[in-house]
Amino acid sequence: MLNQLVSAMDRQRFENLVVSMTNGGPIAERLISSGIGVSHLGMRAGIPNPAGLVRLRSVLRRFRPQVVQTWMYHANLLGSLAVRGLPDTRLVWGLHHSNLSWSMNKPQTLLIVRICAALSHRAPQVIVCCSEAARSAHDSIGYDSQKLRVIPNGYDTELFRPDERAGVALRDQLAIPKESPVVSLIARFHPQKNHRCFTDAASIVHRTRPDVHFVLCGNGIVMQNQVLAEWIGLRGLAERFHLLGPVGDVQRVMAGSTVVASSSSGEGMSNVIGEAMACGAVCVVTDVGDSASVVGNAGIVVPANDPEALGRGLLSALGLSLESRRALGTAARRRIEDNFGLLRSVCEYQDLYQQAVKNPTRSRAARRAA
């Protein structure tokens, strides 16, 4: 979403520099190829490093942004420290999370969440939440309710669009019979994505529909992942699961699937669901975050952490006629176009940044957002 936001912003009005706390990666490469400046702090995940703060303050002094937009918890905390003593810089936090349970998050992350709750009353000017669920979750633990503002994620309906050829290409690539249905799950390997629930649900589907194949992609989604491989093997589904790891053209998987699933036990506002709907996919999702409100009546919503319910939902979607599935996919794409287009989200962020600097008539050189 960050990549899409800065790439689509009006470059006659805004100049962006994206600062990665680590050493970048595929997203940084995409930003650079779009002409967006990227700087790296070289920090390591999970290891506090004061040098990162020093480097960030150096970046801010050079770039002299009027707005610093931080994107997630660790960045919110680091950014709050970095902008101290920079009176002309406005700080905007970003919240993209709604499940704050101890079982689904690292203790260090939850500690930062609580520290930021205390800082929220004085550090940021505005706190952007990607969903109403994220706003409510943080309001309930003490974040400054007067600063919380919801800007839903937006989806690029030109990039994510139906593709009738994608289904054949995906099956050819994975040696899946052309007539076999495909259920995909697109999510990194993380407790909140709940891959165990998905493998349990897949086992339920397999008992009734042994012809169904399951295509999974995302960071950590490889057979070398012993935990995931064990879950699949214990259910006797190794020949039906295809683990692709990170995929660059994920829209091809979405458009080529019979059903796209989300088994998450926690979300803010899922990018995958909105992107899959834009591709015209039939989605079966768990009722977490704002997933149900995004899907509306253009998909199937089931309770979270309930493999039986997820399995039934998948079987229901798979049981639709071709005509009904296409109609539901068309309704899903129309819902994204009408309610969650990328342009709407970008315009809301741009308006927010203009308001933050309190003077929308300043020259282009003065309108910088980092």
Protein backbone atom coordinates (compact mmCIF):
# COMPACT_ATOMS: atom_id res chain seq x y z
CA MET A 1 0.00 0.00 0.00
CA LEU A 2 2.86 2.38 0.78
CA ASN A 3 4.39 1.64 -2.61
CA GLN A 4 1.11 2.30 -4.37
CA LEU A 5 0.47 5.49 -2.40
CA VAL A 6 3.76 7.27 -3.10
CA SER A 7 3.89 6.05 -6.70
CA ALA A 8 0.44 7.49 -7.40
CA MET A 9 0.79 10.82 -5.56
CA ASP A 10 0.80 14.05 -7.56
CA ARG A 11 4.49 14.75 -8.21
CA GLN A 12 3.76 18.35 -9.14
CA ARG A 13 2.66 18.90 -5.54
CA PHE A 14 4.62 16.37 -3.49
CA GLU A 15 8.14 15.02 -3.39
CA ASN A 16 8.55 11.73 -1.52
CA LEU A 17 11.49 10.00 0.09
CA VAL A 18 10.86 6.54 1.57
CA VAL A 19 13.11 5.50 4.44
CA SER A 20 13.49 1.76 5.08
CA MET A 21 14.45 0.86 8.64
CA THR A 22 16.33 -2.18 7.29
CA ASN A 23 18.10 -2.63 3.97
CA GLY A 24 15.17 -2.50 1.60
CA GLY A 25 14.10 -5.41 -0.59
CA PRO A 26 11.62 -5.98 -3.43
CA ILE A 27 9.40 -3.06 -2.41
CA ALA A 28 12.41 -0.71 -2.36
CA GLU A 29 13.31 -1.87 -5.84
CA ARG A 30 9.80 -1.13 -7.08
CA LEU A 31 9.89 2.33 -5.55
CA ILE A 32 13.23 3.14 -7.13
CA SER A 33 12.01 1.92 -10.53
CA SER A 34 9.04 4.30 -10.14
CA GLY A 35 11.40 7.22 -9.58
CA ILE A 36 10.89 7.44 -5.82
CA GLY A 37 13.90 8.16 -3.62
CA VAL A 38 14.74 5.44 -1.07
CA SER A 39 17.10 5.60 1.90
CA HIS A 40 18.11 2.71 4.18
CA LEU A 41 18.89 2.79 7.90
CA GLY A 42 20.49 -0.68 7.98
CA MET A 43 18.77 -1.78 11.18
CA ARG A 44 18.18 -5.46 11.96
CA ALA A 45 14.74 -6.78 12.82
CA GLY A 46 14.17 -7.19 16.54
CA ILE A 47 17.44 -5.54 17.57
CA PRO A 48 17.23 -1.96 18.91
CA ASN A 49 19.98 0.14 17.39
CA PRO A 50 20.54 3.80 18.35
CA ALA A 51 22.63 4.20 15.19
CA GLY A 52 19.42 3.87 13.19
CA LEU A 53 17.97 6.86 14.99
CA VAL A 54 21.11 8.89 14.30
CA ARG A 55 20.98 7.98 10.61
CA LEU A 56 17.29 8.85 10.39
CA ARG A 57 17.84 12.28 11.94
CA SER A 58 20.62 12.86 9.42
CA VAL A 59 18.25 11.94 6.57
CA LEU A 60 15.60 14.31 7.90
CA ARG A 61 18.04 17.18 8.20
CA ARG A 62 19.12 16.69 4.59
CA PHE A 63 15.67 16.23 3.10
CA ARG A 64 13.91 18.73 5.38
CA PRO A 65 10.41 17.24 5.08
CA GLN A 66 7.36 19.11 6.21
CA VAL A 67 5.55 15.83 6.85
CA VAL A 68 6.96 12.57 8.13
CA GLN A 69 4.52 9.68 7.61
CA THR A 70 5.48 6.60 9.64
CA TRP A 71 3.83 3.36 8.60
CA MET A 72 3.83 0.78 11.44
CA TYR A 73 4.55 0.46 15.17
CA HIS A 74 8.35 0.37 15.14
CA ALA A 75 8.46 3.21 12.63
CA ASN A 76 5.94 5.20 14.67
CA LEU A 77 8.21 5.00 17.71
CA LEU A 78 11.43 5.69 15.78
CA GLY A 79 9.86 8.58 13.89
CA SER A 80 8.61 10.13 17.12
CA LEU A 81 12.15 10.21 18.47
CA ALA A 82 13.64 11.42 15.19
CA VAL A 83 11.44 14.48 14.71
CA ARG A 84 12.10 15.88 18.17
CA GLY A 85 13.73 19.29 17.80
CA LEU A 86 12.40 19.70 14.25
CA PRO A 87 9.56 22.19 14.83
CA ASP A 88 8.68 22.62 11.16
CA THR A 89 8.13 18.89 10.63
CA ARG A 90 4.67 17.37 11.13
CA LEU A 91 4.43 13.72 12.20
CA VAL A 92 1.67 11.41 10.94
CA TRP A 93 1.51 7.86 12.29
CA GLY A 94 0.12 4.84 10.45
CA LEU A 95 -1.75 1.90 12.04
CA HIS A 96 -2.34 -1.23 9.95
CA HIS A 97 -3.18 -3.80 12.61
CA SER A 98 -6.23 -4.72 14.69
CA ASN A 99 -5.44 -7.93 16.59
CA LEU A 100 -3.43 -6.98 19.69
CA SER A 101 -3.66 -10.30 21.51
CA TRP A 102 -0.64 -11.75 23.31
CA SER A 103 -0.99 -15.05 21.45
CA MET A 104 -0.69 -13.43 18.03
CA ASN A 105 2.05 -10.84 18.59
CA LYS A 106 5.60 -10.70 19.85
CA PRO A 107 5.98 -9.28 23.38
CA GLN A 108 8.41 -6.65 22.06
CA THR A 109 5.84 -5.48 19.51
CA LEU A 110 3.12 -5.21 22.15
CA LEU A 111 5.48 -3.25 24.40
CA ILE A 112 6.02 -0.75 21.57
CA VAL A 113 2.25 -0.61 21.03
CA ARG A 114 1.80 0.44 24.66
CA ILE A 115 4.64 2.96 24.56
CA CYS A 116 3.10 4.49 21.45
CA ALA A 117 -0.29 4.65 23.18
CA ALA A 118 1.28 6.96 25.75
CA LEU A 119 3.16 8.95 23.10
CA SER A 120 0.07 9.32 20.92
CA HIS A 121 -1.22 12.21 23.01
CA ARG A 122 1.71 14.44 22.11
CA ALA A 123 3.98 13.02 19.37
CA PRO A 124 1.88 12.72 16.18
CA GLN A 125 -0.37 15.35 14.71
CA VAL A 126 -2.65 12.72 13.15
CA ILE A 127 -2.88 8.92 13.41
CA VAL A 128 -4.10 7.23 10.23
CA CYS A 129 -5.83 3.85 10.63
CA CYS A 130 -6.29 1.63 7.59
CA SER A 131 -9.64 0.36 8.88
CA GLU A 132 -12.38 0.99 11.38
CA ALA A 133 -11.30 -2.18 13.19
CA ALA A 134 -7.78 -0.77 13.61
CA ARG A 135 -9.18 2.53 14.89
CA SER A 136 -11.42 0.80 17.44
CA ALA A 137 -8.67 -1.56 18.66
CA HIS A 138 -6.24 1.28 19.35
CA ASP A 139 -8.85 3.61 20.80
CA SER A 140 -9.66 0.89 23.34
CA ILE A 141 -6.08 0.73 24.67
CA GLY A 142 -5.55 4.43 25.13
CA TYR A 143 -4.46 5.92 21.80
CA ASP A 144 -5.56 9.54 21.47
CA SER A 145 -9.07 9.16 20.04
CA GLN A 146 -9.11 12.77 18.79
CA LYS A 147 -6.22 12.04 16.44
CA LEU A 148 -7.42 8.70 15.05
CA ARG A 149 -8.59 8.97 11.44
CA VAL A 150 -9.58 6.14 9.09
CA ILE A 151 -8.29 6.15 5.51
CA PRO A 152 -9.11 2.74 4.01
CA ASN A 153 -6.56 1.03 1.80
CA GLY A 154 -7.14 1.55 -1.90
CA TYR A 155 -6.58 -0.92 -4.72
CA ASP A 156 -5.16 -0.43 -8.20
CA THR A 157 -7.91 -1.80 -10.41
CA GLU A 158 -5.75 -1.40 -13.52
CA LEU A 159 -3.04 -3.69 -12.16
CA PHE A 160 -5.46 -6.04 -10.41
CA ARG A 161 -8.04 -7.01 -13.00
CA PRO A 162 -9.66 -10.18 -14.40
CA ASP A 163 -7.56 -12.21 -16.78
CA GLU A 164 -9.22 -15.17 -18.53
CA ARG A 165 -5.82 -16.59 -19.53
CA ALA A 166 -4.44 -16.65 -15.99
CA GLY A 167 -6.22 -19.85 -14.97
CA VAL A 168 -4.76 -21.88 -17.83
CA ALA A 169 -1.28 -20.42 -17.32
CA LEU A 170 -1.30 -21.12 -13.57
CA ARG A 171 -2.39 -24.73 -14.06
CA ASP A 172 0.15 -25.28 -16.82
CA GLN A 173 2.93 -23.89 -14.63
CA LEU A 174 2.07 -26.18 -11.70
CA ALA A 175 1.02 -29.24 -13.75
CA ILE A 176 -2.50 -29.06 -12.36
CA PRO A 177 -5.20 -30.67 -14.52
CA LYS A 178 -7.09 -28.00 -16.46
CA GLU A 179 -10.44 -29.03 -15.03
CA SER A 180 -9.25 -28.99 -11.39
CA PRO A 181 -10.46 -26.16 -9.13
CA VAL A 182 -7.75 -24.08 -7.44
CA VAL A 183 -8.05 -22.49 -3.99
CA SER A 184 -5.31 -19.98 -3.27
CA LEU A 185 -4.06 -18.46 -0.02
CA ILE A 186 -1.77 -15.47 -0.41
CA ALA A 187 -0.13 -14.62 2.90
CA ARG A 188 3.28 -14.60 4.56
CA PHE A 189 3.91 -17.28 7.17
CA HIS A 190 2.82 -15.58 10.39
CA PRO A 191 0.57 -16.69 13.29
CA GLN A 192 -2.09 -14.13 12.40
CA LYS A 193 -2.40 -15.51 8.87
CA ASN A 194 -3.36 -18.85 10.48
CA HIS A 195 -2.05 -21.32 7.93
CA ARG A 196 -2.85 -24.15 10.30
CA CYS A 197 -6.53 -23.25 10.15
CA PHE A 198 -6.27 -23.23 6.36
CA THR A 199 -4.62 -26.67 6.17
CA ASP A 200 -7.34 -28.06 8.47
CA ALA A 201 -10.00 -26.52 6.24
CA ALA A 202 -8.25 -27.90 3.15
CA SER A 203 -8.45 -31.37 4.66
CA ILE A 204 -12.21 -30.92 5.06
CA VAL A 205 -12.50 -29.77 1.45
CA HIS A 206 -10.38 -32.67 0.22
CA ARG A 207 -12.71 -35.27 1.75
CA THR A 208 -15.57 -34.01 -0.42
CA ARG A 209 -13.64 -32.58 -3.37
CA PRO A 210 -10.38 -34.52 -3.85
CA ASP A 211 -9.90 -32.81 -7.22
CA VAL A 212 -9.18 -29.42 -5.60
CA HIS A 213 -5.61 -28.09 -5.56
CA PHE A 214 -4.32 -25.51 -3.07
CA VAL A 215 -1.85 -22.83 -4.19
CA LEU A 216 -0.07 -20.85 -1.46
CA CYS A 217 2.39 -18.01 -1.82
CA GLY A 218 4.13 -15.46 0.39
CA ASN A 219 7.28 -15.11 2.48
CA GLY A 220 8.10 -18.39 4.22
CA ILE A 221 5.65 -20.40 2.12
CA VAL A 222 8.06 -23.09 0.92
CA MET A 223 8.43 -26.82 1.57
CA GLN A 224 11.61 -26.04 3.51
CA ASN A 225 9.30 -24.53 6.12
CA GLN A 226 9.21 -27.61 8.33
CA VAL A 227 6.21 -26.49 10.39
CA LEU A 228 4.04 -25.83 7.36
CA ALA A 229 5.27 -28.96 5.58
CA GLU A 230 4.38 -31.04 8.64
CA TRP A 231 0.85 -29.64 8.79
CA ILE A 232 0.35 -30.47 5.13
CA GLY A 233 1.96 -33.91 5.39
CA LEU A 234 -0.06 -34.99 8.42
CA ARG A 235 -3.23 -34.33 6.48
CA GLY A 236 -2.01 -36.35 3.49
CA LEU A 237 -2.21 -33.35 1.17
CA ALA A 238 1.36 -33.01 -0.09
CA GLU A 239 0.31 -33.80 -3.67
CA ARG A 240 -2.46 -31.21 -3.57
CA PHE A 241 -0.48 -28.30 -2.12
CA HIS A 242 1.73 -26.02 -4.21
CA LEU A 243 3.98 -23.69 -2.20
CA LEU A 244 5.38 -20.87 -4.35
CA GLY A 245 7.13 -18.60 -1.84
CA PRO A 246 7.05 -14.85 -2.66
CA VAL A 247 5.45 -14.16 -6.04
CA GLY A 248 6.03 -10.93 -7.97
CA ASP A 249 2.96 -11.10 -10.22
CA VAL A 250 0.53 -12.19 -7.52
CA GLN A 251 -2.39 -10.84 -9.54
CA ARG A 252 -1.91 -13.78 -11.91
CA VAL A 253 -2.50 -16.22 -9.06
CA MET A 254 -5.57 -14.29 -7.91
CA ALA A 255 -7.12 -14.07 -11.37
CA GLY A 256 -6.29 -17.70 -12.11
CA SER A 257 -7.81 -19.19 -8.95
CA THR A 258 -11.29 -20.61 -8.61
CA VAL A 259 -11.47 -19.27 -5.04
CA VAL A 260 -9.17 -16.98 -3.05
CA ALA A 261 -9.18 -17.62 0.71
CA SER A 262 -8.16 -15.66 3.78
CA SER A 263 -7.82 -17.69 6.98
CA SER A 264 -6.50 -14.84 9.11
CA SER A 265 -7.17 -14.53 12.82
CA GLY A 266 -6.31 -10.84 12.69
CA GLU A 267 -6.18 -8.11 10.03
CA GLY A 268 -6.45 -4.37 9.79
CA MET A 269 -7.66 -4.11 6.20
CA SER A 270 -6.41 -6.96 4.06
CA ASN A 271 -4.75 -5.91 0.81
CA VAL A 272 -5.03 -9.43 -0.54
CA ILE A 273 -8.81 -9.52 -0.24
CA GLY A 274 -9.31 -6.19 -2.00
CA GLU A 275 -6.80 -7.05 -4.73
CA ALA A 276 -8.34 -10.49 -5.30
CA MET A 277 -11.82 -8.96 -5.56
CA ALA A 278 -10.47 -6.45 -8.09
CA CYS A 279 -9.26 -9.48 -10.09
CA GLY A 280 -12.83 -10.79 -10.11
CA ALA A 281 -12.07 -13.63 -7.72
CA VAL A 282 -14.61 -15.29 -5.45
CA CYS A 283 -13.30 -14.73 -1.93
CA VAL A 284 -13.93 -16.76 1.23
CA VAL A 285 -12.66 -14.80 4.21
CA THR A 286 -12.66 -14.90 7.99
CA ASP A 287 -14.52 -12.19 9.87
CA VAL A 288 -11.55 -10.21 11.19
CA GLY A 289 -10.62 -6.56 10.88
CA ASP A 290 -12.64 -4.91 8.13
CA SER A 291 -12.70 -8.01 5.90
CA ALA A 292 -16.47 -8.50 6.15
CA SER A 293 -17.19 -4.86 5.31
CA VAL A 294 -14.88 -5.01 2.28
CA VAL A 295 -16.42 -8.24 0.95
CA GLY A 296 -20.03 -7.22 1.67
CA ASN A 297 -22.40 -9.45 -0.29
CA ALA A 298 -19.81 -10.14 -3.00
CA GLY A 299 -18.14 -13.10 -1.27
CA ILE A 300 -18.42 -15.47 1.67
CA VAL A 301 -17.52 -14.55 5.26
CA VAL A 302 -16.99 -17.18 7.99
CA PRO A 303 -16.00 -17.02 11.68
CA ALA A 304 -12.28 -16.80 12.44
CA ASN A 305 -10.29 -19.70 13.95
CA ASP A 306 -12.92 -22.20 12.82
CA PRO A 307 -11.58 -24.70 10.26
CA GLU A 308 -14.98 -26.39 9.92
CA ALA A 309 -16.63 -23.08 9.01
CA LEU A 310 -13.82 -22.18 6.61
CA GLY A 311 -14.04 -25.60 5.00
CA ARG A 312 -17.79 -25.25 4.53
CA GLY A 313 -17.34 -21.79 3.09
CA LEU A 314 -14.77 -23.03 0.59
CA LEU A 315 -17.02 -25.94 -0.43
CA SER A 316 -19.93 -23.55 -0.87
CA ALA A 317 -17.86 -21.34 -3.19
CA LEU A 318 -16.51 -24.32 -5.09
CA GLY A 319 -20.05 -25.61 -5.53
CA LEU A 320 -21.22 -22.53 -7.42
CA SER A 321 -21.98 -22.90 -11.09
CA LEU A 322 -19.61 -21.24 -13.53
CA GLU A 323 -22.26 -18.61 -14.27
CA SER A 324 -22.85 -17.87 -10.58
CA ARG A 325 -19.13 -17.69 -9.84
CA ARG A 326 -18.57 -15.23 -12.67
CA ALA A 327 -21.48 -13.09 -11.50
CA LEU A 328 -20.10 -13.02 -7.96
CA GLY A 329 -16.63 -12.15 -9.27
CA THR A 330 -18.07 -9.30 -11.33
CA ALA A 331 -19.91 -7.99 -8.27
CA ALA A 332 -16.69 -8.20 -6.24
CA ARG A 333 -14.73 -6.13 -8.74
CA ARG A 334 -17.52 -3.55 -8.99
CA ARG A 335 -17.57 -3.25 -5.20
CA ILE A 336 -13.84 -2.42 -5.14
CA GLU A 337 -14.19 0.06 -8.01
CA ASP A 338 -17.09 1.82 -6.31
CA ASN A 339 -15.78 1.89 -2.74
CA PHE A 340 -12.06 1.15 -2.46
CA GLY A 341 -10.30 2.53 -5.51
CA LEU A 342 -6.67 3.59 -5.15
CA LEU A 343 -7.32 7.16 -6.32
CA ARG A 344 -9.76 7.80 -3.47
CA SER A 345 -7.22 6.64 -0.88
CA VAL A 346 -4.40 8.67 -2.46
CA CYS A 347 -6.54 11.82 -2.50
CA GLU A 348 -7.38 11.40 1.18
CA TYR A 349 -3.70 11.08 2.09
CA GLN A 350 -2.78 14.08 -0.05
CA ASP A 351 -5.50 16.18 1.59
CA LEU A 352 -4.27 15.07 5.00
CA TYR A 353 -0.70 16.15 4.23
CA GLN A 354 -1.87 19.51 2.92
CA GLN A 355 -3.87 20.06 6.10
CA ALA A 356 -0.89 19.01 8.22
CA VAL A 357 1.34 21.76 6.88
CA LYS A 358 -1.54 24.26 7.28
CA ASN A 359 -0.62 26.16 4.15
CA PRO A 360 -1.69 24.48 0.88
CA THR A 361 -0.48 27.41 -1.22
CA ARG A 362 3.23 26.96 -0.55
CA SER A 363 5.60 26.38 -3.43
CA ARG A 364 6.45 22.93 -4.73
CA ALA A 365 9.89 23.10 -3.13
CA ALA A 366 8.25 23.50 0.27
CA ARG A 367 5.78 20.66 -0.22
CA ARG A 368 7.81 17.65 0.71
CA ALA A 369 6.50 14.52 2.37
CA ALA A 370 8.81 11.80 3.71
